[in-house]
PDB file of all heavy atoms in Angstrom:
ATOM      1  N   LEU A   1       2.570 130.398-106.572  1.00  0.00           N
ATOM      2  CA  LEU A   1       2.773 130.558-105.139  1.00  0.00           C
ATOM      3  C   LEU A   1       3.515 131.852-104.850  1.00  0.00           C
ATOM      4  O   LEU A   1       2.957 132.787-104.286  1.00  0.00           O
ATOM      5  CB  LEU A   1       3.534 129.350-104.588  1.00  0.00           C
ATOM      6  CG  LEU A   1       3.646 129.237-103.072  1.00  0.00           C
ATOM      7  CD1 LEU A   1       2.268 129.203-102.434  1.00  0.00           C
ATOM      8  CD2 LEU A   1       4.437 127.993-102.691  1.00  0.00           C
ATOM      9  N   ALA A   2       4.775 131.937-105.268  1.00  0.00           N
ATOM     10  CA  ALA A   2       5.569 133.135-104.994  1.00  0.00           C
ATOM     11  C   ALA A   2       5.357 134.224-106.034  1.00  0.00           C
ATOM     12  O   ALA A   2       5.558 135.405-105.747  1.00  0.00           O
ATOM     13  CB  ALA A   2       7.053 132.776-104.925  1.00  0.00           C
ATOM     14  N   GLU A   3       4.961 133.848-107.234  1.00  0.00           N
ATOM     15  CA  GLU A   3       4.900 134.806-108.343  1.00  0.00           C
ATOM     16  C   GLU A   3       4.039 136.028-108.037  1.00  0.00           C
ATOM     17  O   GLU A   3       4.338 137.143-108.481  1.00  0.00           O
ATOM     18  CB  GLU A   3       4.372 134.115-109.609  1.00  0.00           C
ATOM     19  CG  GLU A   3       5.350 133.170-110.261  1.00  0.00           C
ATOM     20  CD  GLU A   3       5.363 131.786-109.635  1.00  0.00           C
ATOM     21  OE1 GLU A   3       4.634 131.577-108.629  1.00  0.00           O
ATOM     22  OE2 GLU A   3       6.094 130.918-110.140  1.00  0.00           O
ATOM     23  N   ARG A   4       2.958 135.834-107.280  1.00  0.00           N
ATOM     24  CA  ARG A   4       2.015 136.932-107.021  1.00  0.00           C
ATOM     25  C   ARG A   4       2.517 137.896-105.948  1.00  0.00           C
ATOM     26  O   ARG A   4       2.070 139.038-105.879  1.00  0.00           O
ATOM     27  CB  ARG A   4       0.662 136.367-106.572  1.00  0.00           C
ATOM     28  CG  ARG A   4       0.002 135.450-107.569  1.00  0.00           C
ATOM     29  CD  ARG A   4      -1.234 134.781-106.976  1.00  0.00           C
ATOM     30  NE  ARG A   4      -0.925 133.861-105.895  1.00  0.00           N
ATOM     31  CZ  ARG A   4      -1.216 134.062-104.614  1.00  0.00           C
ATOM     32  NH1 ARG A   4      -1.821 135.175-104.236  1.00  0.00           N
ATOM     33  NH2 ARG A   4      -0.903 133.169-103.696  1.00  0.00           N
ATOM     34  N   ASN A   5       3.403 137.419-105.080  1.00  0.00           N
ATOM     35  CA  ASN A   5       3.882 138.242-103.969  1.00  0.00           C
ATOM     36  C   ASN A   5       5.033 139.146-104.370  1.00  0.00           C
ATOM     37  O   ASN A   5       5.270 140.187-103.738  1.00  0.00           O
ATOM     38  CB  ASN A   5       4.341 137.350-102.816  1.00  0.00           C
ATOM     39  CG  ASN A   5       3.260 136.447-102.267  1.00  0.00           C
ATOM     40  OD1 ASN A   5       2.655 135.684-103.009  1.00  0.00           O
ATOM     41  ND2 ASN A   5       3.025 136.507-100.967  1.00  0.00           N
ATOM     42  N   LEU A   6       5.769 138.750-105.396  1.00  0.00           N
ATOM     43  CA  LEU A   6       6.990 139.468-105.758  1.00  0.00           C
ATOM     44  C   LEU A   6       6.687 140.844-106.346  1.00  0.00           C
ATOM     45  O   LEU A   6       5.688 141.022-107.059  1.00  0.00           O
ATOM     46  CB  LEU A   6       7.787 138.630-106.757  1.00  0.00           C
ATOM     47  CG  LEU A   6       8.398 137.352-106.166  1.00  0.00           C
ATOM     48  CD1 LEU A   6       8.874 136.427-107.265  1.00  0.00           C
ATOM     49  CD2 LEU A   6       9.542 137.701-105.213  1.00  0.00           C
ATOM     50  N   PRO A   7       7.530 141.822-106.049  1.00  0.00           N
ATOM     51  CA  PRO A   7       7.293 143.183-106.537  1.00  0.00           C
ATOM     52  C   PRO A   7       7.407 143.270-108.054  1.00  0.00           C
ATOM     53  O   PRO A   7       8.136 142.517-108.685  1.00  0.00           O
ATOM     54  CB  PRO A   7       8.383 144.009-105.846  1.00  0.00           C
ATOM     55  CG  PRO A   7       9.448 143.023-105.489  1.00  0.00           C
ATOM     56  CD  PRO A   7       8.747 141.736-105.213  1.00  0.00           C
ATOM     57  N   GLY A   8       6.660 144.224-108.614  1.00  0.00           N
ATOM     58  CA  GLY A   8       6.665 144.412-110.058  1.00  0.00           C
ATOM     59  C   GLY A   8       5.603 143.605-110.768  1.00  0.00           C
ATOM     60  O   GLY A   8       5.695 143.381-111.979  1.00  0.00           O
ATOM     61  N   SER A   9       4.580 143.185-110.033  1.00  0.00           N
ATOM     62  CA  SER A   9       3.479 142.432-110.619  1.00  0.00           C
ATOM     63  C   SER A   9       2.168 142.903-110.005  1.00  0.00           C
ATOM     64  O   SER A   9       2.133 143.354-108.860  1.00  0.00           O
ATOM     65  CB  SER A   9       3.645 140.929-110.369  1.00  0.00           C
ATOM     66  OG  SER A   9       3.546 140.649-108.981  1.00  0.00           O
ATOM     67  N   LEU A  10       1.100 142.785-110.766  1.00  0.00           N
ATOM     68  CA  LEU A  10      -0.240 143.084-110.265  1.00  0.00           C
ATOM     69  C   LEU A  10      -1.240 142.236-111.028  1.00  0.00           C
ATOM     70  O   LEU A  10      -0.927 141.683-112.095  1.00  0.00           O
ATOM     71  CB  LEU A  10      -0.567 144.571-110.375  1.00  0.00           C
ATOM     72  CG  LEU A  10      -0.509 145.225-111.757  1.00  0.00           C
ATOM     73  CD1 LEU A  10      -1.851 145.128-112.480  1.00  0.00           C
ATOM     74  CD2 LEU A  10      -0.106 146.696-111.625  1.00  0.00           C
ATOM     75  N   ILE A  11      -2.443 142.105-110.503  1.00  0.00           N
ATOM     76  CA  ILE A  11      -3.494 141.310-111.134  1.00  0.00           C
ATOM     77  C   ILE A  11      -4.686 142.214-111.451  1.00  0.00           C
ATOM     78  O   ILE A  11      -5.116 143.010-110.600  1.00  0.00           O
ATOM     79  CB  ILE A  11      -3.938 140.155-110.222  1.00  0.00           C
ATOM     80  CG1 ILE A  11      -2.793 139.158-110.033  1.00  0.00           C
ATOM     81  CG2 ILE A  11      -5.157 139.435-110.798  1.00  0.00           C
ATOM     82  CD1 ILE A  11      -3.097 138.041-109.047  1.00  0.00           C
ATOM     83  N   VAL A  12      -5.211 142.077-112.660  1.00  0.00           N
ATOM     84  CA  VAL A  12      -6.407 142.825-113.068  1.00  0.00           C
ATOM     85  C   VAL A  12      -7.417 141.857-113.662  1.00  0.00           C
ATOM     86  O   VAL A  12      -7.090 140.738-114.067  1.00  0.00           O
ATOM     87  CB  VAL A  12      -6.068 143.913-114.108  1.00  0.00           C
ATOM     88  CG1 VAL A  12      -5.087 144.929-113.539  1.00  0.00           C
ATOM     89  CG2 VAL A  12      -5.531 143.302-115.401  1.00  0.00           C
ATOM     90  N   ASP A  13      -8.655 142.324-113.729  1.00  0.00           N
ATOM     91  CA  ASP A  13      -9.698 141.555-114.413  1.00  0.00           C
ATOM     92  C   ASP A  13      -9.961 142.164-115.784  1.00  0.00           C
ATOM     93  O   ASP A  13      -9.163 142.978-116.281  1.00  0.00           O
ATOM     94  CB  ASP A  13     -10.967 141.485-113.566  1.00  0.00           C
ATOM     95  CG  ASP A  13     -11.589 142.853-113.283  1.00  0.00           C
ATOM     96  OD1 ASP A  13     -11.184 143.852-113.925  1.00  0.00           O
ATOM     97  OD2 ASP A  13     -12.490 142.928-112.435  1.00  0.00           O
ATOM     98  N   GLY A  14     -11.072 141.811-116.386  1.00  0.00           N
ATOM     99  CA  GLY A  14     -11.375 142.279-117.729  1.00  0.00           C
ATOM    100  C   GLY A  14     -11.636 143.757-117.842  1.00  0.00           C
ATOM    101  O   GLY A  14     -11.674 144.297-118.962  1.00  0.00           O
ATOM    102  N   THR A  15     -11.776 144.438-116.707  1.00  0.00           N
ATOM    103  CA  THR A  15     -11.955 145.897-116.731  1.00  0.00           C
ATOM    104  C   THR A  15     -10.617 146.625-116.728  1.00  0.00           C
ATOM    105  O   THR A  15     -10.584 147.857-116.857  1.00  0.00           O
ATOM    106  CB  THR A  15     -12.771 146.368-115.514  1.00  0.00           C
ATOM    107  OG1 THR A  15     -12.002 146.189-114.315  1.00  0.00           O
ATOM    108  CG2 THR A  15     -14.089 145.594-115.395  1.00  0.00           C
ATOM    109  N   GLY A  16      -9.517 145.872-116.529  1.00  0.00           N
ATOM    110  CA  GLY A  16      -8.205 146.508-116.418  1.00  0.00           C
ATOM    111  C   GLY A  16      -7.914 147.052-115.042  1.00  0.00           C
ATOM    112  O   GLY A  16      -6.942 147.790-114.857  1.00  0.00           O
ATOM    113  N   ARG A  17      -8.734 146.676-114.053  1.00  0.00           N
ATOM    114  CA  ARG A  17      -8.560 147.189-112.684  1.00  0.00           C
ATOM    115  C   ARG A  17      -8.213 146.054-111.727  1.00  0.00           C
ATOM    116  O   ARG A  17      -8.622 144.915-111.912  1.00  0.00           O
ATOM    117  CB  ARG A  17      -9.830 147.886-112.207  1.00  0.00           C
ATOM    118  CG  ARG A  17     -10.237 149.088-113.061  1.00  0.00           C
ATOM    119  CD  ARG A  17     -11.427 149.798-112.447  1.00  0.00           C
ATOM    120  NE  ARG A  17     -11.868 150.929-113.265  1.00  0.00           N
ATOM    121  CZ  ARG A  17     -12.812 150.870-114.180  1.00  0.00           C
ATOM    122  NH1 ARG A  17     -13.437 149.707-114.408  1.00  0.00           N
ATOM    123  NH2 ARG A  17     -13.158 151.935-114.868  1.00  0.00           N
ATOM    124  N   ARG A  18      -7.483 146.382-110.674  1.00  0.00           N
ATOM    125  CA  ARG A  18      -7.190 145.427-109.616  1.00  0.00           C
ATOM    126  C   ARG A  18      -8.447 145.141-108.813  1.00  0.00           C
ATOM    127  O   ARG A  18      -9.348 145.980-108.723  1.00  0.00           O
ATOM    128  CB  ARG A  18      -6.121 145.980-108.673  1.00  0.00           C
ATOM    129  CG  ARG A  18      -4.764 146.199-109.310  1.00  0.00           C
ATOM    130  CD  ARG A  18      -3.828 146.906-108.319  1.00  0.00           C
ATOM    131  NE  ARG A  18      -3.437 146.041-107.203  1.00  0.00           N
ATOM    132  CZ  ARG A  18      -3.195 146.472-105.975  1.00  0.00           C
ATOM    133  NH1 ARG A  18      -3.343 147.760-105.674  1.00  0.00           N
ATOM    134  NH2 ARG A  18      -2.822 145.640-105.031  1.00  0.00           N
ATOM    135  N   TYR A  19      -8.506 143.951-108.196  1.00  0.00           N
ATOM    136  CA  TYR A  19      -9.666 143.602-107.375  1.00  0.00           C
ATOM    137  C   TYR A  19      -9.285 142.854-106.096  1.00  0.00           C
ATOM    138  O   TYR A  19     -10.149 142.468-105.314  1.00  0.00           O
ATOM    139  CB  TYR A  19     -10.644 142.744-108.178  1.00  0.00           C
ATOM    140  CG  TYR A  19     -10.066 141.444-108.692  1.00  0.00           C
ATOM    141  CD1 TYR A  19     -10.082 140.282-107.907  1.00  0.00           C
ATOM    142  CD2 TYR A  19      -9.491 141.366-109.959  1.00  0.00           C
ATOM    143  CE1 TYR A  19      -9.549 139.101-108.374  1.00  0.00           C
ATOM    144  CE2 TYR A  19      -8.950 140.181-110.433  1.00  0.00           C
ATOM    145  CZ  TYR A  19      -8.981 139.046-109.634  1.00  0.00           C
ATOM    146  OH  TYR A  19      -8.441 137.873-110.104  1.00  0.00           O
ATOM    147  N   VAL A  20      -7.970 142.662-105.842  1.00  0.00           N
ATOM    148  CA  VAL A  20      -7.546 141.849-104.707  1.00  0.00           C
ATOM    149  C   VAL A  20      -6.111 142.202-104.347  1.00  0.00           C
ATOM    150  O   VAL A  20      -5.348 142.704-105.181  1.00  0.00           O
ATOM    151  CB  VAL A  20      -7.640 140.336-105.069  1.00  0.00           C
ATOM    152  CG1 VAL A  20      -6.600 139.946-106.113  1.00  0.00           C
ATOM    153  CG2 VAL A  20      -7.525 139.437-103.838  1.00  0.00           C
ATOM    154  N   ASN A  21      -5.752 141.936-103.094  1.00  0.00           N
ATOM    155  CA  ASN A  21      -4.352 141.934-102.691  1.00  0.00           C
ATOM    156  C   ASN A  21      -3.704 140.724-103.352  1.00  0.00           C
ATOM    157  O   ASN A  21      -3.977 139.577-102.987  1.00  0.00           O
ATOM    158  CB  ASN A  21      -4.257 141.843-101.166  1.00  0.00           C
ATOM    159  CG  ASN A  21      -2.850 141.518-100.674  1.00  0.00           C
ATOM    160  OD1 ASN A  21      -1.875 141.602-101.417  1.00  0.00           O
ATOM    161  ND2 ASN A  21      -2.753 141.138 -99.410  1.00  0.00           N
ATOM    162  N   GLU A  22      -2.863 140.965-104.325  1.00  0.00           N
ATOM    163  CA  GLU A  22      -2.289 139.874-105.101  1.00  0.00           C
ATOM    164  C   GLU A  22      -1.505 138.884-104.256  1.00  0.00           C
ATOM    165  O   GLU A  22      -1.375 137.706-104.610  1.00  0.00           O
ATOM    166  CB  GLU A  22      -1.360 140.435-106.196  1.00  0.00           C
ATOM    167  CG  GLU A  22      -2.053 141.251-107.258  1.00  0.00           C
ATOM    168  CD  GLU A  22      -2.189 142.727-106.912  1.00  0.00           C
ATOM    169  OE1 GLU A  22      -1.944 143.099-105.736  1.00  0.00           O
ATOM    170  OE2 GLU A  22      -2.546 143.516-107.818  1.00  0.00           O
ATOM    171  N   ALA A  23      -0.950 139.348-103.145  1.00  0.00           N
ATOM    172  CA  ALA A  23      -0.117 138.502-102.286  1.00  0.00           C
ATOM    173  C   ALA A  23      -0.916 137.781-101.211  1.00  0.00           C
ATOM    174  O   ALA A  23      -0.346 137.117-100.342  1.00  0.00           O
ATOM    175  CB  ALA A  23       0.971 139.352-101.626  1.00  0.00           C
ATOM    176  N   ALA A  24      -2.231 137.852-101.270  1.00  0.00           N
ATOM    177  CA  ALA A  24      -3.081 137.201-100.280  1.00  0.00           C
ATOM    178  C   ALA A  24      -2.922 135.682-100.351  1.00  0.00           C
ATOM    179  O   ALA A  24      -2.495 135.136-101.380  1.00  0.00           O
ATOM    180  CB  ALA A  24      -4.541 137.583-100.513  1.00  0.00           C
ATOM    181  N   PRO A  25      -3.256 134.960 -99.277  1.00  0.00           N
ATOM    182  CA  PRO A  25      -3.242 133.489 -99.349  1.00  0.00           C
ATOM    183  C   PRO A  25      -4.032 133.004-100.560  1.00  0.00           C
ATOM    184  O   PRO A  25      -5.054 133.572-100.921  1.00  0.00           O
ATOM    185  CB  PRO A  25      -3.926 133.088 -98.036  1.00  0.00           C
ATOM    186  CG  PRO A  25      -3.634 134.218 -97.100  1.00  0.00           C
ATOM    187  CD  PRO A  25      -3.669 135.446 -97.953  1.00  0.00           C
ATOM    188  N   TYR A  26      -3.547 131.937-101.173  1.00  0.00           N
ATOM    189  CA  TYR A  26      -4.066 131.555-102.489  1.00  0.00           C
ATOM    190  C   TYR A  26      -5.546 131.213-102.481  1.00  0.00           C
ATOM    191  O   TYR A  26      -6.251 131.498-103.457  1.00  0.00           O
ATOM    192  CB  TYR A  26      -3.237 130.422-103.105  1.00  0.00           C
ATOM    193  CG  TYR A  26      -2.611 129.430-102.166  1.00  0.00           C
ATOM    194  CD1 TYR A  26      -3.262 128.258-101.799  1.00  0.00           C
ATOM    195  CD2 TYR A  26      -1.337 129.651-101.662  1.00  0.00           C
ATOM    196  CE1 TYR A  26      -2.666 127.342-100.960  1.00  0.00           C
ATOM    197  CE2 TYR A  26      -0.728 128.741-100.810  1.00  0.00           C
ATOM    198  CZ  TYR A  26      -1.401 127.580-100.455  1.00  0.00           C
ATOM    199  OH  TYR A  26      -0.810 126.680 -99.613  1.00  0.00           O
ATOM    200  N   VAL A  27      -6.057 130.610-101.411  1.00  0.00           N
ATOM    201  CA  VAL A  27      -7.499 130.335-101.345  1.00  0.00           C
ATOM    202  C   VAL A  27      -8.280 131.643-101.357  1.00  0.00           C
ATOM    203  O   VAL A  27      -9.282 131.784-102.069  1.00  0.00           O
ATOM    204  CB  VAL A  27      -7.836 129.498-100.095  1.00  0.00           C
ATOM    205  CG1 VAL A  27      -9.332 129.514 -99.822  1.00  0.00           C
ATOM    206  CG2 VAL A  27      -7.374 128.057-100.276  1.00  0.00           C
ATOM    207  N   ASP A  28      -7.820 132.627-100.584  1.00  0.00           N
ATOM    208  CA  ASP A  28      -8.510 133.914-100.531  1.00  0.00           C
ATOM    209  C   ASP A  28      -8.467 134.621-101.876  1.00  0.00           C
ATOM    210  O   ASP A  28      -9.439 135.278-102.277  1.00  0.00           O
ATOM    211  CB  ASP A  28      -7.865 134.811 -99.466  1.00  0.00           C
ATOM    212  CG  ASP A  28      -8.014 134.260 -98.064  1.00  0.00           C
ATOM    213  OD1 ASP A  28      -8.731 133.250 -97.890  1.00  0.00           O
ATOM    214  OD2 ASP A  28      -7.407 134.813 -97.134  1.00  0.00           O
ATOM    215  N   ALA A  29      -7.334 134.513-102.584  1.00  0.00           N
ATOM    216  CA  ALA A  29      -7.212 135.168-103.874  1.00  0.00           C
ATOM    217  C   ALA A  29      -8.224 134.622-104.871  1.00  0.00           C
ATOM    218  O   ALA A  29      -8.833 135.384-105.645  1.00  0.00           O
ATOM    219  CB  ALA A  29      -5.794 134.999-104.417  1.00  0.00           C
ATOM    220  N   VAL A  30      -8.451 133.313-104.860  1.00  0.00           N
ATOM    221  CA  VAL A  30      -9.440 132.751-105.787  1.00  0.00           C
ATOM    222  C   VAL A  30     -10.858 133.016-105.315  1.00  0.00           C
ATOM    223  O   VAL A  30     -11.760 133.197-106.139  1.00  0.00           O
ATOM    224  CB  VAL A  30      -9.185 131.251-106.009  1.00  0.00           C
ATOM    225  CG1 VAL A  30     -10.328 130.610-106.806  1.00  0.00           C
ATOM    226  CG2 VAL A  30      -7.877 131.055-106.761  1.00  0.00           C
ATOM    227  N   HIS A  31     -11.083 133.061-104.008  1.00  0.00           N
ATOM    228  CA  HIS A  31     -12.406 133.475-103.549  1.00  0.00           C
ATOM    229  C   HIS A  31     -12.758 134.843-104.126  1.00  0.00           C
ATOM    230  O   HIS A  31     -13.887 135.080-104.577  1.00  0.00           O
ATOM    231  CB  HIS A  31     -12.450 133.528-102.019  1.00  0.00           C
ATOM    232  CG  HIS A  31     -12.603 132.190-101.373  1.00  0.00           C
ATOM    233  ND1 HIS A  31     -12.312 131.967-100.054  1.00  0.00           N
ATOM    234  CD2 HIS A  31     -13.027 130.994-101.861  1.00  0.00           C
ATOM    235  CE1 HIS A  31     -12.545 130.708 -99.745  1.00  0.00           C
ATOM    236  NE2 HIS A  31     -12.980 130.098-100.836  1.00  0.00           N
ATOM    237  N   ALA A  32     -11.781 135.746-104.120  1.00  0.00           N
ATOM    238  CA  ALA A  32     -12.013 137.071-104.711  1.00  0.00           C
ATOM    239  C   ALA A  32     -12.206 136.962-106.217  1.00  0.00           C
ATOM    240  O   ALA A  32     -13.062 137.652-106.801  1.00  0.00           O
ATOM    241  CB  ALA A  32     -10.840 138.000-104.387  1.00  0.00           C
ATOM    242  N   MET A  33     -11.437 136.113-106.871  1.00  0.00           N
ATOM    243  CA  MET A  33     -11.531 135.945-108.317  1.00  0.00           C
ATOM    244  C   MET A  33     -12.919 135.439-108.729  1.00  0.00           C
ATOM    245  O   MET A  33     -13.521 135.920-109.700  1.00  0.00           O
ATOM    246  CB  MET A  33     -10.450 134.969-108.780  1.00  0.00           C
ATOM    247  CG  MET A  33     -10.388 134.745-110.281  1.00  0.00           C
ATOM    248  SD  MET A  33      -9.170 133.447-110.729  1.00  0.00           S
ATOM    249  CE  MET A  33      -7.625 134.301-110.379  1.00  0.00           C
ATOM    250  N   LEU A  34     -13.444 134.471-107.970  1.00  0.00           N
ATOM    251  CA  LEU A  34     -14.727 133.873-108.313  1.00  0.00           C
ATOM    252  C   LEU A  34     -15.902 134.757-107.933  1.00  0.00           C
ATOM    253  O   LEU A  34     -16.986 134.644-108.506  1.00  0.00           O
ATOM    254  CB  LEU A  34     -14.862 132.503-107.634  1.00  0.00           C
ATOM    255  CG  LEU A  34     -13.896 131.418-108.133  1.00  0.00           C
ATOM    256  CD1 LEU A  34     -14.039 130.159-107.284  1.00  0.00           C
ATOM    257  CD2 LEU A  34     -14.161 131.102-109.597  1.00  0.00           C
ATOM    258  N   GLY A  35     -15.691 135.633-106.941  1.00  0.00           N
ATOM    259  CA  GLY A  35     -16.749 136.557-106.554  1.00  0.00           C
ATOM    260  C   GLY A  35     -17.849 135.903-105.731  1.00  0.00           C
ATOM    261  O   GLY A  35     -17.625 134.883-105.090  1.00  0.00           O
ATOM    262  N   PRO A  36     -19.068 136.467-105.770  1.00  0.00           N
ATOM    263  CA  PRO A  36     -19.484 137.483-106.746  1.00  0.00           C
ATOM    264  C   PRO A  36     -18.998 138.889-106.375  1.00  0.00           C
ATOM    265  O   PRO A  36     -18.827 139.151-105.193  1.00  0.00           O
ATOM    266  CB  PRO A  36     -21.014 137.380-106.672  1.00  0.00           C
ATOM    267  CG  PRO A  36     -21.310 136.881-105.288  1.00  0.00           C
ATOM    268  CD  PRO A  36     -20.161 136.008-104.900  1.00  0.00           C
ATOM    269  N   PRO A  37     -18.835 139.729-107.418  1.00  0.00           N
ATOM    270  CA  PRO A  37     -18.952 139.403-108.839  1.00  0.00           C
ATOM    271  C   PRO A  37     -17.710 138.661-109.327  1.00  0.00           C
ATOM    272  O   PRO A  37     -16.643 138.755-108.734  1.00  0.00           O
ATOM    273  CB  PRO A  37     -19.057 140.774-109.495  1.00  0.00           C
ATOM    274  CG  PRO A  37     -18.227 141.655-108.606  1.00  0.00           C
ATOM    275  CD  PRO A  37     -18.473 141.163-107.201  1.00  0.00           C
ATOM    276  N   SER A  38     -17.880 137.936-110.434  1.00  0.00           N
ATOM    277  CA  SER A  38     -16.751 137.227-111.020  1.00  0.00           C
ATOM    278  C   SER A  38     -15.733 138.211-111.591  1.00  0.00           C
ATOM    279  O   SER A  38     -16.100 139.239-112.161  1.00  0.00           O
ATOM    280  CB  SER A  38     -17.242 136.304-112.133  1.00  0.00           C
ATOM    281  OG  SER A  38     -16.154 135.762-112.846  1.00  0.00           O
TER     282      SER A  38
END
């Protein structure tokens, strides 16, 4: 819940690149995670 919003963290996929606002509402963050593309 809070872990993604706090400074000093980021989320990447298997390419090593970010793909989402990490602090987005949790449903939206997983929508981005699932894609498409995954």
